[in-house]
Protein backbone atom coordinates (compact mmCIF):
# COMPACT_ATOMS: atom_id res chain seq x y z
CA MET A 1 4.66 7.67 -7.15
CA ALA A 2 6.05 10.84 -5.15
CA GLU A 3 7.58 10.85 -1.98
CA ARG A 4 5.59 12.95 -0.48
CA THR A 5 2.62 10.49 -1.33
CA TYR A 6 4.47 7.86 -0.12
CA GLN A 7 4.97 9.30 3.61
CA ARG A 8 1.24 10.52 3.87
CA TYR A 9 0.16 7.41 3.17
CA GLU A 10 2.74 6.25 5.50
CA ASN A 11 1.32 8.68 8.60
CA ALA A 12 -1.70 7.82 7.82
CA GLU A 13 -2.68 11.72 6.55
CA ARG A 14 -4.20 10.42 3.27
CA GLU A 15 -5.40 6.85 2.28
CA PRO A 16 -4.55 5.02 -1.36
CA ASP A 17 -6.94 4.95 -4.43
CA ALA A 18 -7.35 1.09 -5.78
CA SER A 19 -4.73 1.99 -8.29
CA ALA A 20 -1.77 3.15 -5.72
CA LEU A 21 -2.40 0.10 -3.34
CA LEU A 22 -2.54 -2.13 -6.28
CA ALA A 23 1.33 -0.14 -7.74
CA LEU A 24 2.64 -0.70 -3.95
CA ALA A 25 1.02 -4.73 -4.06
CA ASP A 26 3.45 -5.23 -6.98
CA PHE A 27 5.73 -2.90 -5.73
CA TYR A 28 6.83 -5.43 -2.72
CA GLU A 29 5.99 -8.32 -4.27
CA VAL A 30 2.85 -8.81 -1.76
CA SER A 31 -0.75 -9.29 -2.03
CA THR A 32 -3.47 -6.25 -1.27
CA ASP A 33 -4.79 -8.46 1.45
CA TYR A 34 -1.21 -8.09 3.41
CA LEU A 35 -1.25 -4.45 3.10
CA LEU A 36 -4.60 -3.85 3.45
CA GLY A 37 -4.06 -5.72 7.15
CA ARG A 38 -6.58 -8.96 6.33
CA THR A 39 -4.04 -11.45 6.56
CA ASP A 40 -0.71 -11.55 7.87
CA SER A 41 0.62 -13.95 4.86
CA PRO A 42 2.33 -11.54 2.63
CA LYS A 43 1.56 -13.95 0.45
């Protein structure tokens, strides 16, 4: 993933698609629900 793309996600300028969301969850070893704010538990 390009650094600029990640920056846009962080700045809410862009939302990740499903494949990017899965890649981020795998990278940070957390669930997609955690990334989406649906749970407070990372796993």
